[in-house]
Structures are given as C-alpha cells and as structure tokens.
C-alpha cells in the first residue's frame, strides 16, 4: 500500500494540474472564519497564503494538506526542515525554542501557527503581526496539533480524511508484522542519558496503536522516562527501535549503552534497529507517521 507521504504528494500534483481552470473572484474568495485554540479564539479574514509555522507538527500537517509555508523554525541550528519532507522552500525564522520575531514580521504573514507549550510567552507579539493560532501541546497528543493546523487553514475535513487513512494503514501494518502482544522499546540516546518513549509520545502512539506493548513504567508528563546509562536493562522490549541525534555514538550515551546491553532480549535475538531521529522524534504528523510505518514494515515485515 502506498505511504501517506506518496499519496499527499500525488494530491498536491493533482491540485496543481487543476490550477489552470477559470475561477471567478466569487468562487475563489473565502469568508472569514474563527478558530478556537489553546489561547482563545482567532478570526482569519481570508484563505491564508503566507503562513509561518513555529513547530514541526504544524509543518507536517500543513504540507500534508498541500501547502508550503513562507517561514519555518528549525529544531537546532543548521538542521532546517525534517529531511523526510523533502525540499521545503521556506525562510528560516529562528529555532523552534526561540523564534525570531523580527524575521517573522519581515515575511508579512497572514497566519502564524505555533504551540502554547513552547511559545506562550510570545503569543501577544505574534498576534500583533498576524492572526495567530496555537495548539496546546507539541508531540504529545500529536493529532491535536494536526487538527489545530487544519482548523487554522479551514480544512478540518481534509485532515480527518488523512487521519482516517493513517488509522487504516496502522492497523494493516500492525497485523502484517504481528505487533499484537509484542513488547517494544523506543529509545533516544541523549548526551547524558537516554529516553524511553511511552504510548502518548508521537512515535509511541503510532507503535502502540499498531498493537505493540511499550512497557509499564513510571513516565513523566511528556510520556517519557529519562534514564542514566547504567539503567540500560530498562530497555526490555522484544524489539528495540533507537535513534541517535547527530549520528555520532560517542557524542551521546549510545556508545556506552550499546557496549553494555549485549544480554538484553532484543540484542540477543538480533531485534535492534536504528531509525532516523528527525523522522521518529521531530517529524511529527501524518506524513512522519507514514515514514515510521514504512520503517516498521521494512524491518519487521
């Protein structure tokens, strides 16, 4: 079955092919609409054409809907948009953790989309530039961010179809790889520790919806466990997917942990798989989920 990313690209191409049809001003105009979001209500006067997105879940959702923003943030300096999205022709407006207000204003946006959990402190400044819509969270409960982005674009029905198509594929791939009842660990190596991802994280929600069991342990408010290297035995899933930001094992705890973990079940059974950090941890949304499903299908199918 083709991935959602391929389907989304095909949809954009189809729309582009139809753009030569003649539309009257009346048929192309759009009435103002009001969006209810984490910071209250915001009225958007017309179909947005110059959108700035401040976080990766909103970027994924916007592109899935067939739109390219004029401005984006990046997770760390020099990374740009998550690679799985391909070439995103947009200006960089700072880091996701610290957007540059002046760069945003210089783009003259007609809509700004961000996350309260990250950007609440600058909401008033952003609202002075353009109508601004915030999701409550980022990554946790990723569908909330997808739906808020769609509501901001007045395209909620389109997003519901994308989510429905994704749910269908999650079930199909889960069945194909025998996910039901299989224990699984999702690991992200960090400079001083490693994280285990729970069922309410982005990647965790996709894998648990497939039928995998992510373990029963105490998790923080972001559905993660932050663990020191000597606790490597907590990586106890029958299958392990792991990421290493930056790719250098010596720059994180990866070298230490993988030097210790030879006796854990997944290592003994040859069931450990390295996957792309920018997709599994940062590329959050229906398109990122499609890439995760591709990875699971290719490694376990």
Protein backbone atom coordinates (compact mmCIF):
# COMPACT_ATOMS: atom_id res chain seq x y z
CA UNK A 1 0.00 0.00 0.00
CA UNK A 2 1.46 3.43 -0.89
CA UNK A 3 2.53 5.60 2.02
CA UNK A 4 0.55 8.67 3.07
CA UNK A 5 3.53 10.80 2.06
CA UNK A 6 3.28 9.50 -1.51
CA UNK A 7 -0.48 10.00 -1.52
CA UNK A 8 -0.13 13.53 -0.22
CA UNK A 9 2.42 14.40 -2.91
CA UNK A 10 0.15 12.92 -5.55
CA UNK A 11 -2.72 15.03 -4.25
CA UNK A 12 -0.63 18.19 -4.48
CA UNK A 13 0.35 17.34 -8.08
CA UNK A 14 -3.30 16.72 -8.96
CA UNK A 15 -4.31 20.05 -7.48
CA UNK A 16 -1.53 21.79 -9.37
CA UNK A 17 -2.75 20.24 -12.60
CA UNK A 18 -6.20 21.70 -11.99
CA UNK A 19 -4.95 25.20 -11.27
CA UNK A 20 -5.46 26.37 -14.83
CA UNK A 21 -9.26 26.28 -14.55
CA UNK A 22 -11.02 29.62 -14.61
CA UNK A 23 -12.41 30.73 -11.28
CA UNK A 24 -14.49 33.81 -10.73
CA UNK A 25 -13.48 36.08 -7.85
CA UNK A 26 -16.64 34.95 -6.07
CA UNK A 27 -15.75 31.23 -6.33
CA UNK A 28 -12.15 31.69 -5.11
CA UNK A 29 -12.96 34.04 -2.24
CA UNK A 30 -13.36 32.66 1.25
CA UNK A 31 -15.39 34.14 4.07
CA UNK A 32 -13.77 34.96 7.38
CA UNK A 33 -13.79 32.15 9.95
CA UNK A 34 -13.00 31.85 13.64
CA UNK A 35 -10.64 29.26 15.12
CA UNK A 36 -10.93 28.12 18.73
CA UNK A 37 -7.49 27.14 20.04
CA UNK A 38 -5.25 26.95 23.11
CA UNK A 39 -5.07 30.74 23.55
CA UNK A 40 -8.74 31.53 22.87
CA UNK A 41 -10.36 32.47 19.57
CA UNK A 42 -8.77 33.96 16.46
CA UNK A 43 -10.53 35.22 13.35
CA UNK A 44 -8.88 34.64 9.98
CA UNK A 45 -10.23 37.04 7.38
CA UNK A 46 -9.49 35.06 4.20
CA UNK A 47 -7.79 31.91 2.95
CA UNK A 48 -4.19 32.14 4.27
CA UNK A 49 -1.49 32.40 1.64
CA UNK A 50 1.56 33.37 3.72
CA UNK A 51 1.77 31.03 6.68
CA UNK A 52 4.57 30.83 9.26
CA UNK A 53 4.76 27.64 11.34
CA UNK A 54 6.82 27.53 14.52
CA UNK A 55 6.96 23.80 15.24
CA UNK A 56 7.39 20.56 13.32
CA UNK A 57 3.92 19.03 13.95
CA UNK A 58 2.29 22.03 12.31
CA UNK A 59 4.75 21.91 9.42
CA UNK A 60 3.95 18.25 8.76
CA UNK A 61 0.21 18.98 8.88
CA UNK A 62 0.46 22.00 6.59
CA UNK A 63 2.42 20.09 3.94
CA UNK A 64 0.10 17.09 4.26
CA UNK A 65 -2.74 19.47 3.38
CA UNK A 66 -0.88 20.60 0.27
CA UNK A 67 0.50 23.95 1.44
CA UNK A 68 4.06 25.28 1.74
CA UNK A 69 4.70 27.87 4.46
CA UNK A 70 6.71 31.04 3.86
CA UNK A 71 8.53 30.67 7.18
CA UNK A 72 9.57 27.80 9.47
CA UNK A 73 11.73 27.26 12.53
CA UNK A 74 14.37 24.53 12.90
CA UNK A 75 14.93 22.19 15.84
CA UNK A 76 18.63 23.11 16.07
CA UNK A 77 20.90 25.40 14.07
CA UNK A 78 21.61 24.15 10.58
CA UNK A 79 19.02 21.36 10.52
CA UNK A 80 16.29 23.08 8.51
CA UNK A 81 13.08 21.17 7.87
CA UNK A 82 12.95 17.44 8.74
CA UNK A 83 14.52 15.65 5.74
CA UNK A 84 11.59 13.28 5.20
CA UNK A 85 9.53 16.26 3.99
CA UNK A 86 11.92 16.85 1.11
CA UNK A 87 12.84 20.35 -0.01
CA UNK A 88 10.71 22.90 1.86
CA UNK A 89 11.04 26.28 0.15
CA UNK A 90 10.62 28.49 3.21
CA UNK A 91 12.63 31.09 5.10
CA UNK A 92 14.10 30.14 8.46
CA UNK A 93 12.80 32.28 11.33
CA UNK A 94 14.96 31.01 14.17
CA UNK A 95 14.90 27.96 16.40
CA UNK A 96 11.70 26.19 17.40
CA UNK A 97 12.60 27.00 21.00
CA UNK A 98 13.31 30.66 20.19
CA UNK A 99 11.57 32.07 17.11
CA UNK A 100 12.87 35.37 15.77
CA UNK A 101 10.04 37.91 15.96
CA UNK A 102 11.68 40.35 13.53
CA UNK A 103 12.23 37.68 10.86
CA UNK A 104 8.63 36.58 11.21
CA UNK A 105 7.33 40.13 10.84
CA UNK A 106 9.54 40.71 7.78
CA UNK A 107 7.73 37.89 5.95
CA UNK A 108 4.39 39.71 6.29
CA UNK A 109 2.48 36.52 7.15
CA UNK A 110 -1.30 36.32 7.12
CA UNK A 111 -1.31 33.41 9.60
CA UNK A 112 1.08 32.14 12.30
CA UNK A 113 0.74 28.67 13.85
CA UNK A 114 2.61 27.58 17.00
CA UNK A 115 2.27 25.70 20.28
CA UNK A 116 1.30 27.09 23.68
CA UNK A 117 3.67 24.71 25.47
CA UNK A 118 6.58 26.27 23.55
CA UNK A 119 5.55 29.77 22.54
CA UNK A 120 3.02 31.12 25.04
CA UNK A 121 5.37 33.92 26.13
CA UNK A 122 5.46 35.47 22.65
CA UNK A 123 1.81 34.98 21.71
CA UNK A 124 0.87 38.64 22.11
CA UNK A 125 3.79 39.79 19.96
CA UNK A 126 2.93 37.29 17.27
CA UNK A 127 -0.74 38.25 17.34
CA UNK A 128 0.32 41.83 16.66
CA UNK A 129 1.87 40.63 13.40
CA UNK A 130 -0.87 38.35 12.07
CA UNK A 131 -3.73 36.12 13.22
CA UNK A 132 -2.05 33.54 15.45
CA UNK A 133 -3.32 30.07 16.34
CA UNK A 134 -1.70 27.81 18.95
CA UNK A 135 -2.09 24.14 19.70
CA UNK A 136 -1.94 23.20 23.38
CA UNK A 137 0.93 20.71 23.03
CA UNK A 138 3.78 19.66 20.77
CA UNK A 139 4.41 15.97 20.04
CA UNK A 140 2.32 14.67 22.91
CA UNK A 141 -1.22 14.10 21.55
CA UNK A 142 0.08 14.87 18.05
CA UNK A 143 -3.38 14.69 16.48
CA UNK A 144 -4.32 17.81 18.43
CA UNK A 145 -1.61 19.73 16.56
CA UNK A 146 -2.70 18.26 13.22
CA UNK A 147 -6.31 19.24 13.83
CA UNK A 148 -5.46 22.74 15.06
CA UNK A 149 -3.35 23.34 11.95
CA UNK A 150 -6.20 22.15 9.74
CA UNK A 151 -8.70 24.33 11.61
CA UNK A 152 -6.39 27.33 11.17
CA UNK A 153 -6.45 26.66 7.40
CA UNK A 154 -10.20 25.96 7.45
CA UNK A 155 -9.52 22.45 6.14
CA UNK A 156 -10.62 20.22 9.01
CA UNK A 157 -12.47 17.75 6.79
CA UNK A 158 -9.33 17.14 4.73
CA UNK A 159 -7.30 16.42 7.88
CA UNK A 160 -9.90 14.00 9.21
CA UNK A 161 -9.60 12.03 5.98
CA UNK A 162 -5.80 11.94 6.27
CA UNK A 163 -6.02 10.74 9.88
CA UNK A 164 -8.60 8.13 8.90
CA UNK A 165 -6.38 6.83 6.10
CA UNK A 166 -3.46 6.69 8.54
CA UNK A 167 -5.51 4.72 11.09
CA UNK A 168 -6.35 2.18 8.40
CA UNK A 169 -2.72 1.72 7.47
CA UNK A 170 -1.62 1.49 11.11
CA UNK A 171 -3.99 -1.44 11.59
CA UNK A 172 -2.85 -3.12 8.37
CA UNK A 173 0.86 -2.85 9.12
CA UNK A 174 0.33 -3.88 12.74
CA UNK A 175 -1.36 -7.07 11.56
CA UNK A 176 1.28 -7.73 8.91
CA UNK A 177 4.19 -7.58 11.38
CA UNK A 178 2.44 -9.37 14.25
CA UNK A 179 2.52 -6.38 16.58
CA UNK A 180 -0.26 -7.52 18.91
CA UNK A 181 1.24 -8.69 22.20
CA UNK A 182 4.86 -7.98 21.22
CA UNK A 183 6.82 -5.85 23.68
CA UNK A 184 8.81 -2.98 22.18
CA UNK A 185 11.17 -0.26 23.39
CA UNK A 186 11.67 3.10 21.66
CA UNK A 187 15.00 4.62 22.70
CA UNK A 188 16.51 8.02 22.03
CA UNK A 189 20.12 8.45 23.08
CA UNK A 190 20.99 11.85 24.56
CA UNK A 191 24.34 13.44 25.61
CA UNK A 192 23.97 12.47 29.29
CA UNK A 193 21.13 9.94 29.41
CA UNK A 194 18.69 8.05 27.24
CA UNK A 195 14.94 8.25 26.89
CA UNK A 196 12.35 5.54 26.69
CA UNK A 197 9.23 6.72 24.87
CA UNK A 198 5.75 5.91 26.17
CA UNK A 199 2.41 5.48 24.40
CA UNK A 200 1.48 9.18 24.44
CA UNK A 201 4.59 10.35 22.59
CA UNK A 202 4.34 10.67 18.82
CA UNK A 203 6.29 7.57 17.81
CA UNK A 204 4.99 5.71 20.85
CA UNK A 205 1.38 6.37 19.92
CA UNK A 206 1.90 5.03 16.39
CA UNK A 207 3.58 1.84 17.63
CA UNK A 208 1.08 1.23 20.44
CA UNK A 209 -1.83 1.77 18.05
CA UNK A 210 -0.29 -0.96 15.89
CA UNK A 211 -0.57 -3.34 18.85
CA UNK A 212 2.93 -3.23 20.35
CA UNK A 213 3.24 -3.05 24.14
CA UNK A 214 5.61 -0.30 25.31
CA UNK A 215 6.04 -1.48 28.89
CA UNK A 216 4.61 -0.49 32.25
CA UNK A 217 6.85 2.06 33.98
CA UNK A 218 6.65 5.50 35.51
CA UNK A 219 6.72 8.21 32.85
CA UNK A 220 6.99 11.98 33.05
CA UNK A 221 4.39 14.48 31.83
CA UNK A 222 5.66 14.03 28.28
CA UNK A 223 5.16 10.23 28.41
CA UNK A 224 8.92 9.61 28.61
CA UNK A 225 11.36 8.05 31.06
CA UNK A 226 14.74 9.79 31.37
CA UNK A 227 17.32 7.18 32.39
CA UNK A 228 21.05 7.09 33.10
CA UNK A 229 23.23 4.66 31.08
CA UNK A 230 23.61 2.15 33.91
CA UNK A 231 19.85 1.54 33.73
CA UNK A 232 20.19 0.06 30.25
CA UNK A 233 18.30 -3.09 31.34
CA UNK A 234 15.14 -0.95 31.29
CA UNK A 235 15.38 -1.35 27.50
CA UNK A 236 13.49 -4.61 27.87
CA UNK A 237 11.31 -4.86 24.75
CA UNK A 238 11.46 -7.90 22.48
CA UNK A 239 12.03 -5.35 19.69
CA UNK A 240 14.04 -2.12 20.04
CA UNK A 241 13.96 0.90 17.74
CA UNK A 242 16.53 3.56 18.65
CA UNK A 243 17.69 6.95 17.41
CA UNK A 244 20.94 8.83 17.91
CA UNK A 245 20.67 12.57 17.17
CA UNK A 246 23.62 13.80 15.14
CA UNK A 247 24.80 10.30 14.27
CA UNK A 248 27.93 10.21 16.47
CA UNK A 249 27.64 7.43 19.11
CA UNK A 250 30.42 8.99 21.20
CA UNK A 251 28.54 12.30 21.43
CA UNK A 252 25.64 10.61 23.24
CA UNK A 253 25.17 7.69 25.62
CA UNK A 254 24.79 5.35 22.65
CA UNK A 255 28.37 4.07 22.74
CA UNK A 256 28.15 3.41 26.48
CA UNK A 257 24.74 1.73 26.46
CA UNK A 258 25.35 -0.42 23.38
CA UNK A 259 28.60 -1.53 24.97
CA UNK A 260 26.64 -2.82 27.96
CA UNK A 261 23.40 -4.16 26.54
CA UNK A 262 24.53 -7.46 24.96
CA UNK A 263 22.39 -9.52 27.36
CA UNK A 264 19.07 -7.72 26.83
CA UNK A 265 16.47 -9.78 24.89
CA UNK A 266 16.31 -7.71 21.71
CA UNK A 267 20.10 -7.67 21.26
CA UNK A 268 20.41 -11.42 21.79
CA UNK A 269 17.66 -12.01 19.21
CA UNK A 270 19.00 -9.51 16.66
CA UNK A 271 15.94 -7.30 17.00
CA UNK A 272 17.51 -3.84 17.46
CA UNK A 273 17.04 -1.29 14.69
CA UNK A 274 18.45 2.23 14.32
CA UNK A 275 15.99 4.68 12.73
CA UNK A 276 16.11 8.33 11.70
CA UNK A 277 15.83 10.79 14.59
CA UNK A 278 14.40 13.63 12.50
CA UNK A 279 11.52 11.37 11.43
CA UNK A 280 10.72 9.43 14.60
CA UNK A 281 11.28 12.23 17.11
CA UNK A 282 10.88 15.54 15.28
CA UNK A 283 8.84 14.77 12.14
CA UNK A 284 5.52 14.67 13.94
CA UNK A 285 2.29 14.21 11.98
CA UNK A 286 0.52 12.11 9.38
CA UNK A 287 3.47 12.24 6.97
CA UNK A 288 6.01 11.41 9.66
CA UNK A 289 3.78 8.56 10.81
CA UNK A 290 3.73 7.16 7.29
CA UNK A 291 7.53 7.09 7.33
CA UNK A 292 7.53 5.27 10.67
CA UNK A 293 5.13 2.69 9.26
CA UNK A 294 7.46 2.24 6.28
CA UNK A 295 10.38 1.63 8.66
CA UNK A 296 8.44 -0.92 10.72
CA UNK A 297 7.20 -2.69 7.62
CA UNK A 298 10.69 -2.90 6.10
CA UNK A 299 12.42 -4.09 9.27
CA UNK A 300 9.82 -6.46 10.71
CA UNK A 301 7.70 -7.42 7.71
